[in-house]
Amino acid sequence: MKKYDFLDKNVKDFLFIENDNLFVCQRLQEIDESYRVVFNLKKNQYEVHSIDQPYDTYSFAVPFSVLDERTVSYALKTRRENMDKIIKEIDFYNEKLYNQMIKQNVNQIKEALC
């Protein structure tokens, strides 16, 4: 496989990151050997791609402006094996927001009636 074969997109839009000073690229490949890091020049962000995915190699956008330990933690947290846990966290957060919204609406109604 050539260096750029894992991306179907126009390679001029990507800067391929093979090494970094914190060894994030290598640590990501310890999590999943298929992970490759690129810097998307159009979006001005780091992305992780998996060469094992059949149609689209894109796995996730790094939600930070630099590659560091947070990137490795994010990759571990968002693994498919953790999907049920992530869904529970989202549901818990949404329920919390919903309850806060209900309390605010009740308080606004009380103020309007008084």
PDB file of N, CA and C in Angstrom:
ATOM      1  N   MET A   1       0.840  -1.182   0.000  1.00  0.00           N
ATOM      2  CA  MET A   1       0.000   0.000   0.000  1.00  0.00           C
ATOM      3  C   MET A   1       0.885   1.244   0.000  1.00  0.00           C
ATOM      4  N   LYS A   2       0.543   2.170  -0.857  1.00  0.00           N
ATOM      5  CA  LYS A   2       1.277   3.428  -0.908  1.00  0.00           C
ATOM      6  C   LYS A   2       0.891   4.296   0.283  1.00  0.00           C
ATOM      7  N   LYS A   3       1.698   5.282   0.531  1.00  0.00           N
ATOM      8  CA  LYS A   3       1.494   6.149   1.688  1.00  0.00           C
ATOM      9  C   LYS A   3       0.106   6.789   1.699  1.00  0.00           C
ATOM     10  N   TYR A   4      -0.427   7.156   0.541  1.00  0.00           N
ATOM     11  CA  TYR A   4      -1.670   7.913   0.480  1.00  0.00           C
ATOM     12  C   TYR A   4      -2.872   7.075   0.067  1.00  0.00           C
ATOM     13  N   ASP A   5      -2.698   5.793  -0.149  1.00  0.00           N
ATOM     14  CA  ASP A   5      -3.787   4.963  -0.647  1.00  0.00           C
ATOM     15  C   ASP A   5      -4.976   4.870   0.296  1.00  0.00           C
ATOM     16  N   PHE A   6      -4.770   5.098   1.571  1.00  0.00           N
ATOM     17  CA  PHE A   6      -5.881   4.914   2.495  1.00  0.00           C
ATOM     18  C   PHE A   6      -6.891   6.055   2.444  1.00  0.00           C
ATOM     19  N   LEU A   7      -6.566   7.142   1.744  1.00  0.00           N
ATOM     20  CA  LEU A   7      -7.505   8.253   1.607  1.00  0.00           C
ATOM     21  C   LEU A   7      -8.001   8.328   0.179  1.00  0.00           C
ATOM     22  N   ASP A   8      -9.326   8.323   0.021  1.00  0.00           N
ATOM     23  CA  ASP A   8      -9.896   8.484  -1.308  1.00  0.00           C
ATOM     24  C   ASP A   8      -9.950   9.947  -1.702  1.00  0.00           C
ATOM     25  N   LYS A   9      -9.857  10.823  -0.731  1.00  0.00           N
ATOM     26  CA  LYS A   9      -9.980  12.255  -0.988  1.00  0.00           C
ATOM     27  C   LYS A   9      -8.715  12.790  -1.645  1.00  0.00           C
ATOM     28  N   ASN A  10      -8.762  14.024  -2.003  1.00  0.00           N
ATOM     29  CA  ASN A  10      -7.625  14.669  -2.645  1.00  0.00           C
ATOM     30  C   ASN A  10      -6.495  14.819  -1.624  1.00  0.00           C
ATOM     31  N   VAL A  11      -5.372  14.180  -1.879  1.00  0.00           N
ATOM     32  CA  VAL A  11      -4.283  14.154  -0.901  1.00  0.00           C
ATOM     33  C   VAL A  11      -3.635  15.512  -0.681  1.00  0.00           C
ATOM     34  N   LYS A  12      -3.833  16.456  -1.580  1.00  0.00           N
ATOM     35  CA  LYS A  12      -3.228  17.775  -1.372  1.00  0.00           C
ATOM     36  C   LYS A  12      -3.874  18.518  -0.200  1.00  0.00           C
ATOM     37  N   ASP A  13      -5.030  18.054   0.249  1.00  0.00           N
ATOM     38  CA  ASP A  13      -5.717  18.683   1.366  1.00  0.00           C
ATOM     39  C   ASP A  13      -5.266  18.135   2.724  1.00  0.00           C
ATOM     40  N   PHE A  14      -4.341  17.175   2.711  1.00  0.00           N
ATOM     41  CA  PHE A  14      -3.932  16.515   3.943  1.00  0.00           C
ATOM     42  C   PHE A  14      -2.426  16.564   4.132  1.00  0.00           C
ATOM     43  N   LEU A  15      -2.046  16.753   5.374  1.00  0.00           N
ATOM     44  CA  LEU A  15      -0.659  16.640   5.774  1.00  0.00           C
ATOM     45  C   LEU A  15      -0.577  15.354   6.593  1.00  0.00           C
ATOM     46  N   PHE A  16       0.199  14.409   6.129  1.00  0.00           N
ATOM     47  CA  PHE A  16       0.275  13.113   6.781  1.00  0.00           C
ATOM     48  C   PHE A  16       1.264  13.173   7.940  1.00  0.00           C
ATOM     49  N   ILE A  17       0.783  12.826   9.124  1.00  0.00           N
ATOM     50  CA  ILE A  17       1.589  12.892  10.340  1.00  0.00           C
ATOM     51  C   ILE A  17       2.017  11.465  10.691  1.00  0.00           C
ATOM     52  N   GLU A  18       3.291  11.203  10.593  1.00  0.00           N
ATOM     53  CA  GLU A  18       3.789   9.862  10.917  1.00  0.00           C
ATOM     54  C   GLU A  18       4.483   9.825  12.266  1.00  0.00           C
ATOM     55  N   ASN A  19       5.052  10.957  12.669  1.00  0.00           N
ATOM     56  CA  ASN A  19       5.763  11.048  13.943  1.00  0.00           C
ATOM     57  C   ASN A  19       5.443  12.382  14.593  1.00  0.00           C
ATOM     58  N   ASP A  20       5.425  12.376  15.893  1.00  0.00           N
ATOM     59  CA  ASP A  20       5.225  13.621  16.635  1.00  0.00           C
ATOM     60  C   ASP A  20       6.033  13.547  17.916  1.00  0.00           C
ATOM     61  N   ASN A  21       6.251  14.677  18.533  1.00  0.00           N
ATOM     62  CA  ASN A  21       7.151  14.725  19.687  1.00  0.00           C
ATOM     63  C   ASN A  21       6.607  14.028  20.929  1.00  0.00           C
ATOM     64  N   LEU A  22       5.306  13.793  20.999  1.00  0.00           N
ATOM     65  CA  LEU A  22       4.720  13.095  22.145  1.00  0.00           C
ATOM     66  C   LEU A  22       4.356  11.649  21.815  1.00  0.00           C
ATOM     67  N   PHE A  23       4.731  11.187  20.634  1.00  0.00           N
ATOM     68  CA  PHE A  23       4.483   9.813  20.197  1.00  0.00           C
ATOM     69  C   PHE A  23       3.003   9.452  20.159  1.00  0.00           C
ATOM     70  N   VAL A  24       2.164  10.445  19.895  1.00  0.00           N
ATOM     71  CA  VAL A  24       0.720  10.206  19.828  1.00  0.00           C
ATOM     72  C   VAL A  24       0.391   9.261  18.678  1.00  0.00           C
ATOM     73  N   CYS A  25       1.014   9.457  17.537  1.00  0.00           N
ATOM     74  CA  CYS A  25       0.741   8.579  16.380  1.00  0.00           C
ATOM     75  C   CYS A  25       1.039   7.121  16.725  1.00  0.00           C
ATOM     76  N   GLN A  26       2.158   6.882  17.348  1.00  0.00           N
ATOM     77  CA  GLN A  26       2.516   5.519  17.733  1.00  0.00           C
ATOM     78  C   GLN A  26       1.581   4.973  18.800  1.00  0.00           C
ATOM     79  N   ARG A  27       1.187   5.811  19.738  1.00  0.00           N
ATOM     80  CA  ARG A  27       0.297   5.373  20.813  1.00  0.00           C
ATOM     81  C   ARG A  27      -1.097   5.063  20.273  1.00  0.00           C
ATOM     82  N   LEU A  28      -1.522   5.827  19.267  1.00  0.00           N
ATOM     83  CA  LEU A  28      -2.802   5.527  18.631  1.00  0.00           C
ATOM     84  C   LEU A  28      -2.745   4.187  17.912  1.00  0.00           C
ATOM     85  N   GLN A  29      -1.610   3.896  17.296  1.00  0.00           N
ATOM     86  CA  GLN A  29      -1.474   2.621  16.601  1.00  0.00           C
ATOM     87  C   GLN A  29      -1.359   1.455  17.578  1.00  0.00           C
ATOM     88  N   GLU A  30      -0.997   1.725  18.815  1.00  0.00           N
ATOM     89  CA  GLU A  30      -1.040   0.681  19.843  1.00  0.00           C
ATOM     90  C   GLU A  30      -2.490   0.353  20.197  1.00  0.00           C
ATOM     91  N   ILE A  31      -3.358   1.352  20.128  1.00  0.00           N
ATOM     92  CA  ILE A  31      -4.789   1.129  20.368  1.00  0.00           C
ATOM     93  C   ILE A  31      -5.393   0.358  19.206  1.00  0.00           C
ATOM     94  N   ASP A  32      -5.067   0.802  17.995  1.00  0.00           N
ATOM     95  CA  ASP A  32      -5.574   0.164  16.779  1.00  0.00           C
ATOM     96  C   ASP A  32      -4.510   0.335  15.695  1.00  0.00           C
ATOM     97  N   GLU A  33      -3.979  -0.770  15.221  1.00  0.00           N
ATOM     98  CA  GLU A  33      -2.894  -0.726  14.238  1.00  0.00           C
ATOM     99  C   GLU A  33      -3.276  -0.005  12.953  1.00  0.00           C
ATOM    100  N   SER A  34      -4.564   0.074  12.672  1.00  0.00           N
ATOM    101  CA  SER A  34      -5.019   0.685  11.419  1.00  0.00           C
ATOM    102  C   SER A  34      -5.117   2.204  11.480  1.00  0.00           C
ATOM    103  N   TYR A  35      -4.965   2.801  12.669  1.00  0.00           N
ATOM    104  CA  TYR A  35      -5.101   4.247  12.803  1.00  0.00           C
ATOM    105  C   TYR A  35      -3.949   4.984  12.115  1.00  0.00           C
ATOM    106  N   ARG A  36      -4.311   6.043  11.393  1.00  0.00           N
ATOM    107  CA  ARG A  36      -3.349   6.948  10.779  1.00  0.00           C
ATOM    108  C   ARG A  36      -3.790   8.375  11.076  1.00  0.00           C
ATOM    109  N   VAL A  37      -2.849   9.257  11.338  1.00  0.00           N
ATOM    110  CA  VAL A  37      -3.159  10.643  11.683  1.00  0.00           C
ATOM    111  C   VAL A  37      -2.842  11.540  10.491  1.00  0.00           C
ATOM    112  N   VAL A  38      -3.775  12.425  10.189  1.00  0.00           N
ATOM    113  CA  VAL A  38      -3.551  13.428   9.148  1.00  0.00           C
ATOM    114  C   VAL A  38      -3.975  14.782   9.695  1.00  0.00           C
ATOM    115  N   PHE A  39      -3.438  15.828   9.095  1.00  0.00           N
ATOM    116  CA  PHE A  39      -3.905  17.167   9.400  1.00  0.00           C
ATOM    117  C   PHE A  39      -4.669  17.634   8.183  1.00  0.00           C
ATOM    118  N   ASN A  40      -5.952  17.904   8.355  1.00  0.00           N
ATOM    119  CA  ASN A  40      -6.808  18.354   7.267  1.00  0.00           C
ATOM    120  C   ASN A  40      -6.589  19.852   7.089  1.00  0.00           C
ATOM    121  N   LEU A  41      -5.977  20.226   5.978  1.00  0.00           N
ATOM    122  CA  LEU A  41      -5.627  21.624   5.724  1.00  0.00           C
ATOM    123  C   LEU A  41      -6.859  22.483   5.453  1.00  0.00           C
ATOM    124  N   LYS A  42      -7.906  21.905   4.882  1.00  0.00           N
ATOM    125  CA  LYS A  42      -9.129  22.672   4.620  1.00  0.00           C
ATOM    126  C   LYS A  42      -9.878  22.974   5.911  1.00  0.00           C
ATOM    127  N   LYS A  43      -9.939  21.999   6.800  1.00  0.00           N
ATOM    128  CA  LYS A  43     -10.676  22.162   8.052  1.00  0.00           C
ATOM    129  C   LYS A  43      -9.798  22.660   9.196  1.00  0.00           C
ATOM    130  N   ASN A  44      -8.486  22.675   8.963  1.00  0.00           N
ATOM    131  CA  ASN A  44      -7.532  23.123   9.971  1.00  0.00           C
ATOM    132  C   ASN A  44      -7.665  22.320  11.270  1.00  0.00           C
ATOM    133  N   GLN A  45      -7.699  20.995  11.119  1.00  0.00           N
ATOM    134  CA  GLN A  45      -7.824  20.127  12.286  1.00  0.00           C
ATOM    135  C   GLN A  45      -7.169  18.774  12.018  1.00  0.00           C
ATOM    136  N   TYR A  46      -6.799  18.109  13.106  1.00  0.00           N
ATOM    137  CA  TYR A  46      -6.265  16.756  13.017  1.00  0.00           C
ATOM    138  C   TYR A  46      -7.422  15.782  12.868  1.00  0.00           C
ATOM    139  N   GLU A  47      -7.179  14.715  12.117  1.00  0.00           N
ATOM    140  CA  GLU A  47      -8.154  13.647  11.948  1.00  0.00           C
ATOM    141  C   GLU A  47      -7.438  12.315  12.108  1.00  0.00           C
ATOM    142  N   VAL A  48      -8.190  11.329  12.565  1.00  0.00           N
ATOM    143  CA  VAL A  48      -7.675   9.973  12.644  1.00  0.00           C
ATOM    144  C   VAL A  48      -8.465   9.136  11.647  1.00  0.00           C
ATOM    145  N   HIS A  49      -7.748   8.388  10.826  1.00  0.00           N
ATOM    146  CA  HIS A  49      -8.352   7.528   9.815  1.00  0.00           C
ATOM    147  C   HIS A  49      -7.942   6.088  10.105  1.00  0.00           C
ATOM    148  N   SER A  50      -8.796   5.168   9.734  1.00  0.00           N
ATOM    149  CA  SER A  50      -8.505   3.747   9.901  1.00  0.00           C
ATOM    150  C   SER A  50      -8.415   3.100   8.525  1.00  0.00           C
ATOM    151  N   ILE A  51      -7.261   2.542   8.216  1.00  0.00           N
ATOM    152  CA  ILE A  51      -7.082   1.937   6.900  1.00  0.00           C
ATOM    153  C   ILE A  51      -7.846   0.624   6.764  1.00  0.00           C
ATOM    154  N   ASP A  52      -8.396   0.096   7.846  1.00  0.00           N
ATOM    155  CA  ASP A  52      -9.161  -1.153   7.791  1.00  0.00           C
ATOM    156  C   ASP A  52     -10.629  -0.948   7.457  1.00  0.00           C
ATOM    157  N   GLN A  53     -11.098   0.290   7.511  1.00  0.00           N
ATOM    158  CA  GLN A  53     -12.502   0.547   7.185  1.00  0.00           C
ATOM    159  C   GLN A  53     -12.677   0.471   5.673  1.00  0.00           C
ATOM    160  N   PRO A  54     -13.698  -0.252   5.209  1.00  0.00           N
ATOM    161  CA  PRO A  54     -13.778  -0.560   3.782  1.00  0.00           C
ATOM    162  C   PRO A  54     -14.097   0.603   2.844  1.00  0.00           C
ATOM    163  N   TYR A  55     -14.983   1.510   3.199  1.00  0.00           N
ATOM    164  CA  TYR A  55     -15.419   2.530   2.255  1.00  0.00           C
ATOM    165  C   TYR A  55     -14.899   3.922   2.559  1.00  0.00           C
ATOM    166  N   ASP A  56     -14.895   4.262   3.807  1.00  0.00           N
ATOM    167  CA  ASP A  56     -14.435   5.590   4.214  1.00  0.00           C
ATOM    168  C   ASP A  56     -13.494   5.408   5.393  1.00  0.00           C
ATOM    169  N   THR A  57     -12.286   5.878   5.271  1.00  0.00           N
ATOM    170  CA  THR A  57     -11.282   5.657   6.307  1.00  0.00           C
ATOM    171  C   THR A  57     -11.442   6.569   7.518  1.00  0.00           C
ATOM    172  N   TYR A  58     -12.236   7.621   7.390  1.00  0.00           N
ATOM    173  CA  TYR A  58     -12.396   8.612   8.461  1.00  0.00           C
ATOM    174  C   TYR A  58     -12.929   7.939   9.724  1.00  0.00           C
ATOM    175  N   SER A  59     -12.230   8.139  10.837  1.00  0.00           N
ATOM    176  CA  SER A  59     -12.685   7.607  12.123  1.00  0.00           C
ATOM    177  C   SER A  59     -13.201   8.706  13.033  1.00  0.00           C
ATOM    178  N   PHE A  60     -12.375   9.737  13.258  1.00  0.00           N
ATOM    179  CA  PHE A  60     -12.830  10.853  14.077  1.00  0.00           C
ATOM    180  C   PHE A  60     -11.930  12.064  13.888  1.00  0.00           C
ATOM    181  N   ALA A  61     -12.514  13.220  14.157  1.00  0.00           N
ATOM    182  CA  ALA A  61     -11.746  14.461  14.188  1.00  0.00           C
ATOM    183  C   ALA A  61     -11.230  14.636  15.605  1.00  0.00           C
ATOM    184  N   VAL A  62      -9.996  15.004  15.713  1.00  0.00           N
ATOM    185  CA  VAL A  62      -9.421  15.245  17.034  1.00  0.00           C
ATOM    186  C   VAL A  62     -10.009  16.557  17.560  1.00  0.00           C
ATOM    187  N   PRO A  63     -10.682  16.533  18.708  1.00  0.00           N
ATOM    188  CA  PRO A  63     -11.361  17.738  19.200  1.00  0.00           C
ATOM    189  C   PRO A  63     -10.445  18.739  19.902  1.00  0.00           C
ATOM    190  N   PHE A  64      -9.166  18.643  19.644  1.00  0.00           N
ATOM    191  CA  PHE A  64      -8.192  19.535  20.261  1.00  0.00           C
ATOM    192  C   PHE A  64      -7.302  20.105  19.168  1.00  0.00           C
ATOM    193  N   SER A  65      -6.675  21.224  19.427  1.00  0.00           N
ATOM    194  CA  SER A  65      -5.864  21.874  18.402  1.00  0.00           C
ATOM    195  C   SER A  65      -4.456  21.290  18.292  1.00  0.00           C
ATOM    196  N   VAL A  66      -4.083  20.440  19.243  1.00  0.00           N
ATOM    197  CA  VAL A  66      -2.765  19.808  19.228  1.00  0.00           C
ATOM    198  C   VAL A  66      -2.919  18.307  19.486  1.00  0.00           C
ATOM    199  N   LEU A  67      -1.920  17.558  19.087  1.00  0.00           N
ATOM    200  CA  LEU A  67      -1.882  16.129  19.412  1.00  0.00           C
ATOM    201  C   LEU A  67      -1.202  15.968  20.761  1.00  0.00           C
ATOM    202  N   ASP A  68      -1.925  15.427  21.727  1.00  0.00           N
ATOM    203  CA  ASP A  68      -1.352  15.197  23.046  1.00  0.00           C
ATOM    204  C   ASP A  68      -2.096  14.044  23.716  1.00  0.00           C
ATOM    205  N   GLU A  69      -1.887  13.861  24.997  1.00  0.00           N
ATOM    206  CA  GLU A  69      -2.488  12.758  25.746  1.00  0.00           C
ATOM    207  C   GLU A  69      -4.008  12.738  25.615  1.00  0.00           C
ATOM    208  N   ARG A  70      -4.618  13.908  25.503  1.00  0.00           N
ATOM    209  CA  ARG A  70      -6.076  13.971  25.369  1.00  0.00           C
ATOM    210  C   ARG A  70      -6.548  13.243  24.116  1.00  0.00           C
ATOM    211  N   THR A  71      -5.759  13.295  23.059  1.00  0.00           N
ATOM    212  CA  THR A  71      -6.109  12.609  21.818  1.00  0.00           C
ATOM    213  C   THR A  71      -6.142  11.102  22.040  1.00  0.00           C
ATOM    214  N   VAL A  72      -5.154  10.585  22.750  1.00  0.00           N
ATOM    215  CA  VAL A  72      -5.106   9.150  23.041  1.00  0.00           C
ATOM    216  C   VAL A  72      -6.290   8.765  23.932  1.00  0.00           C
ATOM    217  N   SER A  73      -6.574   9.565  24.948  1.00  0.00           N
ATOM    218  CA  SER A  73      -7.714   9.298  25.835  1.00  0.00           C
ATOM    219  C   SER A  73      -9.029   9.335  25.066  1.00  0.00           C
ATOM    220  N   TYR A  74      -9.152  10.304  24.173  1.00  0.00           N
ATOM    221  CA  TYR A  74     -10.361  10.424  23.355  1.00  0.00           C
ATOM    222  C   TYR A  74     -10.524   9.195  22.466  1.00  0.00           C
ATOM    223  N   ALA A  75      -9.446   8.722  21.874  1.00  0.00           N
ATOM    224  CA  ALA A  75      -9.500   7.527  21.025  1.00  0.00           C
ATOM    225  C   ALA A  75      -9.942   6.310  21.836  1.00  0.00           C
ATOM    226  N   LEU A  76      -9.433   6.181  23.043  1.00  0.00           N
ATOM    227  CA  LEU A  76      -9.829   5.059  23.904  1.00  0.00           C
ATOM    228  C   LEU A  76     -11.294   5.157  24.310  1.00  0.00           C
ATOM    229  N   LYS A  77     -11.711   6.359  24.664  1.00  0.00           N
ATOM    230  CA  LYS A  77     -13.079   6.559  25.133  1.00  0.00           C
ATOM    231  C   LYS A  77     -14.103   6.310  24.036  1.00  0.00           C
ATOM    232  N   THR A  78     -13.775   6.665  22.813  1.00  0.00           N
ATOM    233  CA  THR A  78     -14.758   6.579  21.728  1.00  0.00           C
ATOM    234  C   THR A  78     -14.688   5.266  20.946  1.00  0.00           C
ATOM    235  N   ARG A  79     -13.964   4.293  21.444  1.00  0.00           N
ATOM    236  CA  ARG A  79     -13.900   2.987  20.776  1.00  0.00           C
ATOM    237  C   ARG A  79     -15.279   2.345  20.735  1.00  0.00           C
ATOM    238  N   ARG A  80     -15.512   1.567  19.726  1.00  0.00           N
ATOM    239  CA  ARG A  80     -16.795   0.889  19.543  1.00  0.00           C
ATOM    240  C   ARG A  80     -17.173   0.066  20.776  1.00  0.00           C
ATOM    241  N   GLU A  81     -16.190  -0.510  21.440  1.00  0.00           N
ATOM    242  CA  GLU A  81     -16.462  -1.330  22.621  1.00  0.00           C
ATOM    243  C   GLU A  81     -17.118  -0.518  23.745  1.00  0.00           C
ATOM    244  N   ASN A  82     -16.946   0.792  23.724  1.00  0.00           N
ATOM    245  CA  ASN A  82     -17.486   1.660  24.774  1.00  0.00           C
ATOM    246  C   ASN A  82     -18.805   2.309  24.376  1.00  0.00           C
ATOM    247  N   MET A  83     -19.401   1.865  23.290  1.00  0.00           N
ATOM    248  CA  MET A  83     -20.601   2.510  22.763  1.00  0.00           C
ATOM    249  C   MET A  83     -21.743   2.547  23.788  1.00  0.00           C
ATOM    250  N   ASP A  84     -22.012   1.434  24.465  1.00  0.00           N
ATOM    251  CA  ASP A  84     -23.107   1.411  25.445  1.00  0.00           C
ATOM    252  C   ASP A  84     -22.874   2.412  26.568  1.00  0.00           C
ATOM    253  N   LYS A  85     -21.639   2.497  27.038  1.00  0.00           N
ATOM    254  CA  LYS A  85     -21.305   3.448  28.098  1.00  0.00           C
ATOM    255  C   LYS A  85     -21.499   4.886  27.622  1.00  0.00           C
ATOM    256  N   ILE A  86     -21.079   5.175  26.406  1.00  0.00           N
ATOM    257  CA  ILE A  86     -21.218   6.525  25.851  1.00  0.00           C
ATOM    258  C   ILE A  86     -22.691   6.893  25.701  1.00  0.00           C
ATOM    259  N   ILE A  87     -23.488   5.957  25.225  1.00  0.00           N
ATOM    260  CA  ILE A  87     -24.925   6.213  25.066  1.00  0.00           C
ATOM    261  C   ILE A  87     -25.565   6.480  26.422  1.00  0.00           C
ATOM    262  N   LYS A  88     -25.179   5.741  27.450  1.00  0.00           N
ATOM    263  CA  LYS A  88     -25.709   5.984  28.802  1.00  0.00           C
ATOM    264  C   LYS A  88     -25.319   7.375  29.296  1.00  0.00           C
ATOM    265  N   GLU A  89     -24.061   7.778  29.033  1.00  0.00           N
ATOM    266  CA  GLU A  89     -23.608   9.117  29.436  1.00  0.00           C
ATOM    267  C   GLU A  89     -24.423  10.201  28.726  1.00  0.00           C
ATOM    268  N   ILE A  90     -24.678  10.008  27.449  1.00  0.00           N
ATOM    269  CA  ILE A  90     -25.465  10.978  26.675  1.00  0.00           C
ATOM    270  C   ILE A  90     -26.883  11.045  27.207  1.00  0.00           C
ATOM    271  N   ASP A  91     -27.483   9.884  27.452  1.00  0.00           N
ATOM    272  CA  ASP A  91     -28.844   9.852  27.984  1.00  0.00           C
ATOM    273  C   ASP A  91     -28.928  10.523  29.348  1.00  0.00           C
ATOM    274  N   PHE A  92     -27.947  10.263  30.215  1.00  0.00           N
ATOM    275  CA  PHE A  92     -27.920  10.883  31.535  1.00  0.00           C
ATOM    276  C   PHE A  92     -27.815  12.400  31.409  1.00  0.00           C
ATOM    277  N   TYR A  93     -26.925  12.853  30.549  1.00  0.00           N
ATOM    278  CA  TYR A  93     -26.744  14.290  30.342  1.00  0.00           C
ATOM    279  C   TYR A  93     -28.012  14.923  29.785  1.00  0.00           C
ATOM    280  N   ASN A  94     -28.640  14.278  28.811  1.00  0.00           N
ATOM    281  CA  ASN A  94     -29.878  14.810  28.226  1.00  0.00           C
ATOM    282  C   ASN A  94     -31.007  14.864  29.244  1.00  0.00           C
ATOM    283  N   GLU A  95     -31.093  13.858  30.093  1.00  0.00           N
ATOM    284  CA  GLU A  95     -32.125  13.857  31.139  1.00  0.00           C
ATOM    285  C   GLU A  95     -31.884  14.990  32.132  1.00  0.00           C
ATOM    286  N   LYS A  96     -30.633  15.214  32.467  1.00  0.00           N
ATOM    287  CA  LYS A  96     -30.283  16.304  33.374  1.00  0.00           C
ATOM    288  C   LYS A  96     -30.680  17.657  32.770  1.00  0.00           C
ATOM    289  N   LEU A  97     -30.356  17.854  31.478  1.00  0.00           N
ATOM    290  CA  LEU A  97     -30.742  19.095  30.799  1.00  0.00           C
ATOM    291  C   LEU A  97     -32.255  19.256  30.746  1.00  0.00           C
ATOM    292  N   TYR A  98     -32.949  18.166  30.456  1.00  0.00           N
ATOM    293  CA  TYR A  98     -34.408  18.195  30.379  1.00  0.00           C
ATOM    294  C   TYR A  98     -35.001  18.608  31.729  1.00  0.00           C
ATOM    295  N   ASN A  99     -34.507  18.033  32.816  1.00  0.00           N
ATOM    296  CA  ASN A  99     -35.016  18.373  34.144  1.00  0.00           C
ATOM    297  C   ASN A  99     -34.734  19.832  34.499  1.00  0.00           C
ATOM    298  N   GLN A 100     -33.561  20.326  34.112  1.00  0.00           N
ATOM    299  CA  GLN A 100     -33.249  21.738  34.338  1.00  0.00           C
ATOM    300  C   GLN A 100     -34.193  22.632  33.552  1.00  0.00           C
ATOM    301  N   MET A 101     -34.489  22.256  32.336  1.00  0.00           N
ATOM    302  CA  MET A 101     -35.385  23.041  31.492  1.00  0.00           C
ATOM    303  C   MET A 101     -36.797  23.069  32.076  1.00  0.00           C
ATOM    304  N   ILE A 102     -37.245  21.927  32.576  1.00  0.00           N
ATOM    305  CA  ILE A 102     -38.569  21.861  33.204  1.00  0.00           C
ATOM    306  C   ILE A 102     -38.628  22.791  34.416  1.00  0.00           C
ATOM    307  N   LYS A 103     -37.597  22.759  35.266  1.00  0.00           N
ATOM    308  CA  LYS A 103     -37.555  23.626  36.447  1.00  0.00           C
ATOM    309  C   LYS A 103     -37.579  25.097  36.042  1.00  0.00           C
ATOM    310  N   GLN A 104     -36.806  25.455  35.011  1.00  0.00           N
ATOM    311  CA  GLN A 104     -36.799  26.839  34.543  1.00  0.00           C
ATOM    312  C   GLN A 104     -38.167  27.254  34.023  1.00  0.00           C
ATOM    313  N   ASN A 105     -38.816  26.367  33.279  1.00  0.00           N
ATOM    314  CA  ASN A 105     -40.147  26.683  32.742  1.00  0.00           C
ATOM    315  C   ASN A 105     -41.173  26.848  33.863  1.00  0.00           C
ATOM    316  N   VAL A 106     -41.106  25.985  34.863  1.00  0.00           N
ATOM    317  CA  VAL A 106     -42.024  26.086  35.998  1.00  0.00           C
ATOM    318  C   VAL A 106     -41.795  27.403  36.728  1.00  0.00           C
ATOM    319  N   ASN A 107     -40.539  27.782  36.940  1.00  0.00           N
ATOM    320  CA  ASN A 107     -40.233  29.045  37.615  1.00  0.00           C
ATOM    321  C   ASN A 107     -40.720  30.244  36.800  1.00  0.00           C
ATOM    322  N   GLN A 108     -40.562  30.184  35.483  1.00  0.00           N
ATOM    323  CA  GLN A 108     -41.044  31.275  34.637  1.00  0.00           C
ATOM    324  C   GLN A 108     -42.558  31.388  34.682  1.00  0.00           C
ATOM    325  N   ILE A 109     -43.242  30.267  34.709  1.00  0.00           N
ATOM    326  CA  ILE A 109     -44.714  30.273  34.803  1.00  0.00           C
ATOM    327  C   ILE A 109     -45.153  30.850  36.144  1.00  0.00           C
ATOM    328  N   LYS A 110     -44.480  30.450  37.219  1.00  0.00           N
ATOM    329  CA  LYS A 110     -44.794  30.961  38.547  1.00  0.00           C
ATOM    330  C   LYS A 110     -44.619  32.480  38.597  1.00  0.00           C
ATOM    331  N   GLU A 111     -43.507  32.965  38.018  1.00  0.00           N
ATOM    332  CA  GLU A 111     -43.269  34.409  38.005  1.00  0.00           C
ATOM    333  C   GLU A 111     -44.307  35.137  37.184  1.00  0.00           C
ATOM    334  N   ALA A 112     -44.741  34.548  36.090  1.00  0.00           N
ATOM    335  CA  ALA A 112     -45.724  35.190  35.232  1.00  0.00           C
ATOM    336  C   ALA A 112     -47.095  35.248  35.900  1.00  0.00           C
ATOM    337  N   LEU A 113     -47.405  34.257  36.709  1.00  0.00           N
ATOM    338  CA  LEU A 113     -48.715  34.206  37.366  1.00  0.00           C
ATOM    339  C   LEU A 113     -48.762  35.038  38.637  1.00  0.00           C
ATOM    340  N   CYS A 114     -47.640  35.320  39.225  1.00  0.00           N
ATOM    341  CA  CYS A 114     -47.635  36.044  40.498  1.00  0.00           C
ATOM    342  C   CYS A 114     -47.578  37.537  40.283  1.00  0.00           C
TER     343      CYS A 114
END
